[in-house]
Amino acid sequence: ICDVQALEACLSIEVRWVEGCKEWDEAKKLVKEAAYQKALDKLECLLVARIFEMARLNVSGTGYKMRKHIGQSLKNRSKSIQAAIVSYNEAAAKLSPPRRKITWDEIVDFSYLSEFDILRDTREDVRERKWATPQNRLLMTQFFKYIRAEEELSRVHVEVRRLLTYMVDEERELCRKADEVEPRDPALALQLRLYWKERSRYNALHRSRLFAITK
C-alpha cells in the first residue's frame, strides 16, 4: 500500500481509478487487446515455423534422419499450434465485440502471412467483410495475376523471337566451325557435328513448344 501511495504521489494522481470509471475501462480494453495480439503473434510464429519445416521435407538431399527429425518436430508443432489456437480463441472472446473463433482447419489453410494481418484489427471483425473472405481474396489474387500475365505477354513474344534467333545462329555457327576445322582436325570436326546433332534435337523440341506459345 505504501508503495502504491508513493507512486501515486510521484505521478500526481489525485483520483484513483476504480472499476467502472472511464480510465479503468480503457485500460482494461488495452490489456485485452494486448493479450489478443500476443496470442496472435505466438500462433503466427508457430505456423511460420511449420511452413518452413514442411518445405524442408520436400528439399532434395534431405537425409532420412533429418526427415525423421523434421517429422517429429511437425508432430510436436501441431500440438503447440492447437494449444495456441485455444489461447487465441480465449483472448478473442474477451474483446468487445468478441471476435469469431478460428479452427485448426482454417489455420492450416492459411497460405499467406497476410491472413494474419486481417486478424490484427481489434476494432471489428473484418473477416465478415466481402473482401476478407478467403474465396474472394483468392479470386482477387487470380484476377491481378491475370492482369500481370497480360502485361508480360508482349515481353514474352520478344524473348521468344530472340531465343529462336539464337538457336538458328548457334546451329549455323557449329556447322561452319565444323567445316572450317575438318581439314586440320577431323576428330574435332566430328565432335562438333555430334554436339550440333545433340543441340539440334533439343532445339527442335524447344521450337515446337515456342511455336505453341506464340499461337
Protein backbone atom coordinates (compact mmCIF):
# COMPACT_ATOMS: atom_id res chain seq x y z
CA ILE A 1 0.00 0.00 0.00
CA CYS A 2 2.81 2.38 0.89
CA ASP A 3 4.49 1.75 -2.45
CA VAL A 4 1.22 2.42 -4.29
CA GLN A 5 0.69 5.65 -2.38
CA ALA A 6 4.26 6.74 -3.09
CA LEU A 7 3.78 6.05 -6.80
CA GLU A 8 0.51 7.99 -6.81
CA ALA A 9 2.23 10.94 -5.18
CA CYS A 10 5.13 10.75 -7.64
CA LEU A 11 2.75 10.71 -10.63
CA SER A 12 0.46 13.36 -9.12
CA ILE A 13 -2.54 11.03 -9.22
CA GLU A 14 -5.28 12.60 -7.13
CA VAL A 15 -8.21 10.37 -8.07
CA ARG A 16 -7.75 6.63 -8.18
CA TRP A 17 -9.18 4.54 -10.98
CA VAL A 18 -11.98 2.29 -9.82
CA GLU A 19 -13.81 -0.42 -11.67
CA GLY A 20 -16.45 1.17 -13.88
CA CYS A 21 -14.72 4.51 -14.48
CA LYS A 22 -13.70 5.57 -17.98
CA GLU A 23 -9.95 5.22 -17.43
CA TRP A 24 -10.38 1.76 -15.86
CA ASP A 25 -12.43 0.54 -18.83
CA GLU A 26 -9.93 1.95 -21.34
CA ALA A 27 -7.01 0.30 -19.55
CA LYS A 28 -8.94 -2.97 -19.32
CA LYS A 29 -9.60 -2.81 -23.06
CA LEU A 30 -5.90 -2.20 -23.78
CA VAL A 31 -4.92 -5.20 -21.65
CA LYS A 32 -7.37 -7.44 -23.51
CA GLU A 33 -6.14 -6.20 -26.90
CA ALA A 34 -2.52 -6.74 -25.85
CA ALA A 35 -3.33 -10.30 -24.78
CA TYR A 36 -5.09 -10.87 -28.10
CA GLN A 37 -2.13 -9.57 -30.13
CA LYS A 38 0.29 -11.66 -28.07
CA ALA A 39 -1.76 -14.82 -28.69
CA LEU A 40 -1.94 -13.98 -32.39
CA ASP A 41 1.83 -13.38 -32.61
CA LYS A 42 2.53 -16.75 -31.00
CA LEU A 43 0.14 -18.51 -33.35
CA GLU A 44 1.72 -16.81 -36.37
CA CYS A 45 5.27 -17.76 -35.30
CA LEU A 46 4.28 -21.40 -34.82
CA LEU A 47 2.59 -21.56 -38.20
CA VAL A 48 5.55 -19.94 -39.99
CA ALA A 49 7.89 -22.49 -38.39
CA ARG A 50 5.56 -25.27 -39.53
CA ILE A 51 5.54 -23.94 -43.11
CA PHE A 52 9.36 -23.84 -43.21
CA GLU A 53 9.63 -27.36 -41.83
CA MET A 54 7.14 -28.72 -44.34
CA ALA A 55 9.07 -27.02 -47.15
CA ARG A 56 12.29 -28.58 -45.84
CA LEU A 57 10.78 -32.06 -46.14
CA ASN A 58 10.44 -31.57 -49.91
CA VAL A 59 14.01 -30.39 -50.47
CA SER A 60 16.12 -32.88 -52.38
CA GLY A 61 19.16 -34.12 -50.47
CA THR A 62 17.42 -34.19 -47.10
CA GLY A 63 18.59 -37.39 -45.40
CA TYR A 64 16.46 -39.98 -43.64
CA LYS A 65 17.49 -38.88 -40.14
CA MET A 66 16.76 -35.25 -40.94
CA ARG A 67 13.36 -36.16 -42.40
CA LYS A 68 12.57 -38.20 -39.29
CA HIS A 69 13.63 -35.30 -37.07
CA ILE A 70 11.53 -32.82 -39.06
CA GLY A 71 8.57 -35.19 -38.96
CA GLN A 72 8.78 -35.37 -35.17
CA SER A 73 9.09 -31.58 -34.98
CA LEU A 74 5.97 -31.21 -37.13
CA LYS A 75 4.10 -33.55 -34.83
CA ASN A 76 5.11 -31.54 -31.77
CA ARG A 77 4.45 -28.28 -33.61
CA SER A 78 0.90 -29.38 -34.39
CA LYS A 79 0.20 -29.84 -30.68
CA SER A 80 1.66 -26.40 -29.95
CA ILE A 81 -0.46 -24.82 -32.69
CA GLN A 82 -3.60 -26.42 -31.31
CA ALA A 83 -2.78 -25.04 -27.85
CA ALA A 84 -2.10 -21.61 -29.38
CA ILE A 85 -5.48 -21.73 -31.14
CA VAL A 86 -7.16 -22.32 -27.78
CA SER A 87 -5.30 -19.33 -26.28
CA TYR A 88 -6.21 -17.17 -29.27
CA ASN A 89 -9.90 -18.06 -29.08
CA GLU A 90 -9.96 -17.30 -25.35
CA ALA A 91 -8.37 -13.89 -25.95
CA ALA A 92 -10.66 -13.19 -28.92
CA ALA A 93 -13.76 -13.95 -26.84
CA LYS A 94 -12.76 -11.27 -24.29
CA LEU A 95 -12.65 -8.46 -26.86
CA SER A 96 -15.54 -6.06 -27.30
CA PRO A 97 -17.16 -7.02 -29.58
CA PRO A 98 -15.91 -10.62 -29.37
CA ARG A 99 -14.02 -11.96 -32.38
CA ARG A 100 -15.13 -15.07 -34.17
CA LYS A 101 -13.24 -18.18 -33.14
CA ILE A 102 -10.84 -19.87 -35.54
CA THR A 103 -10.34 -23.58 -36.05
CA TRP A 104 -7.44 -25.87 -36.90
CA ASP A 105 -8.79 -26.33 -40.44
CA GLU A 106 -8.78 -22.55 -41.02
CA ILE A 107 -5.24 -22.11 -39.74
CA VAL A 108 -3.63 -24.89 -41.79
CA ASP A 109 -5.26 -23.43 -44.92
CA PHE A 110 -3.54 -20.07 -44.40
CA SER A 111 -1.22 -19.80 -47.41
CA TYR A 112 -0.10 -16.20 -46.92
CA LEU A 113 1.05 -14.29 -43.85
CA SER A 114 -1.34 -11.51 -44.89
CA GLU A 115 -4.08 -13.72 -43.46
CA PHE A 116 -2.76 -12.76 -40.01
CA ASP A 117 -2.79 -9.06 -40.88
CA ILE A 118 -6.57 -9.28 -41.25
CA LEU A 119 -6.85 -10.72 -37.75
CA ARG A 120 -4.82 -7.88 -36.22
CA ASP A 121 -7.58 -5.28 -36.50
CA THR A 122 -9.07 -5.27 -33.00
CA ARG A 123 -11.69 -2.61 -33.72
CA GLU A 124 -14.02 -5.02 -35.51
CA ASP A 125 -14.10 -8.48 -37.03
CA VAL A 126 -13.27 -7.61 -40.63
CA ARG A 127 -13.31 -11.26 -41.62
CA GLU A 128 -17.05 -10.91 -42.24
CA ARG A 129 -16.45 -8.28 -44.93
CA LYS A 130 -16.83 -9.42 -48.53
CA TRP A 131 -13.22 -8.59 -49.41
CA ALA A 132 -11.92 -10.52 -46.37
CA THR A 133 -13.45 -13.91 -47.17
CA PRO A 134 -10.90 -16.49 -48.39
CA GLN A 135 -12.83 -17.18 -51.60
CA ASN A 136 -12.97 -13.50 -52.58
CA ARG A 137 -9.30 -12.91 -51.73
CA LEU A 138 -8.36 -15.92 -53.86
CA LEU A 139 -10.46 -14.52 -56.70
CA MET A 140 -8.77 -11.10 -56.37
CA THR A 141 -5.33 -12.71 -56.38
CA GLN A 142 -6.12 -14.69 -59.51
CA PHE A 143 -7.55 -11.59 -61.21
CA PHE A 144 -4.44 -9.49 -60.61
CA LYS A 145 -2.21 -12.37 -61.68
CA TYR A 146 -4.18 -12.48 -64.92
CA ILE A 147 -3.70 -8.74 -65.43
CA ARG A 148 0.05 -9.04 -64.81
CA ALA A 149 0.24 -12.03 -67.18
CA GLU A 150 -1.32 -9.97 -69.96
CA GLU A 151 1.31 -7.28 -69.40
CA GLU A 152 4.05 -9.90 -69.65
CA LEU A 153 2.79 -11.32 -72.95
CA SER A 154 4.38 -8.63 -75.09
CA ARG A 155 7.73 -9.21 -73.38
CA VAL A 156 7.42 -12.97 -73.77
CA HIS A 157 6.89 -12.65 -77.53
CA VAL A 158 10.07 -10.56 -77.80
CA GLU A 159 12.08 -13.11 -75.80
CA VAL A 160 10.68 -15.99 -77.88
CA ARG A 161 11.96 -14.37 -81.09
CA ARG A 162 15.36 -13.79 -79.52
CA LEU A 163 15.63 -17.40 -78.39
CA LEU A 164 14.61 -18.73 -81.81
CA THR A 165 17.18 -16.48 -83.48
CA TYR A 166 19.86 -17.65 -81.05
CA MET A 167 19.15 -21.33 -81.75
CA VAL A 168 19.32 -20.82 -85.53
CA ASP A 169 22.56 -18.81 -85.27
CA GLU A 170 24.11 -21.40 -82.94
CA GLU A 171 23.41 -24.30 -85.33
CA ARG A 172 24.79 -22.37 -88.30
CA GLU A 173 27.93 -21.41 -86.36
CA LEU A 174 28.56 -25.01 -85.26
CA CYS A 175 28.23 -26.27 -88.83
CA ARG A 176 30.53 -23.53 -90.10
CA LYS A 177 33.16 -24.26 -87.46
CA ALA A 178 33.00 -28.00 -88.17
CA ASP A 179 33.62 -27.37 -91.88
CA GLU A 180 36.41 -24.92 -91.02
CA VAL A 181 38.43 -27.26 -88.75
CA GLU A 182 37.79 -30.50 -90.64
CA PRO A 183 40.87 -30.21 -92.94
CA ARG A 184 43.16 -29.64 -89.94
CA ASP A 185 41.47 -31.76 -87.25
CA PRO A 186 38.84 -34.27 -88.45
CA ALA A 187 38.33 -35.61 -84.91
CA LEU A 188 37.41 -32.17 -83.58
CA ALA A 189 35.10 -31.61 -86.55
CA LEU A 190 33.36 -34.91 -85.74
CA GLN A 191 32.85 -33.87 -82.14
CA LEU A 192 31.43 -30.52 -83.25
CA ARG A 193 28.94 -32.27 -85.54
CA LEU A 194 27.93 -34.68 -82.79
CA TYR A 195 27.41 -31.76 -80.45
CA TRP A 196 25.40 -29.97 -83.17
CA LYS A 197 23.14 -33.01 -83.59
CA GLU A 198 22.60 -33.18 -79.83
CA ARG A 199 21.74 -29.50 -79.64
CA SER A 200 19.51 -29.71 -82.72
CA ARG A 201 17.44 -32.46 -81.15
CA TYR A 202 16.70 -30.37 -78.06
CA ASN A 203 16.28 -27.19 -80.09
CA ALA A 204 13.61 -28.90 -82.19
CA LEU A 205 11.68 -29.66 -79.01
CA HIS A 206 12.11 -26.10 -77.77
CA ARG A 207 10.96 -24.71 -81.13
CA SER A 208 7.79 -26.80 -81.12
CA ARG A 209 6.93 -25.52 -77.64
CA LEU A 210 7.76 -21.93 -78.51
CA PHE A 211 5.59 -22.06 -81.63
CA ALA A 212 2.76 -23.42 -79.47
CA ILE A 213 3.19 -20.49 -77.07
CA THR A 214 3.12 -17.85 -79.79
CA LYS A 215 -0.03 -19.17 -81.48
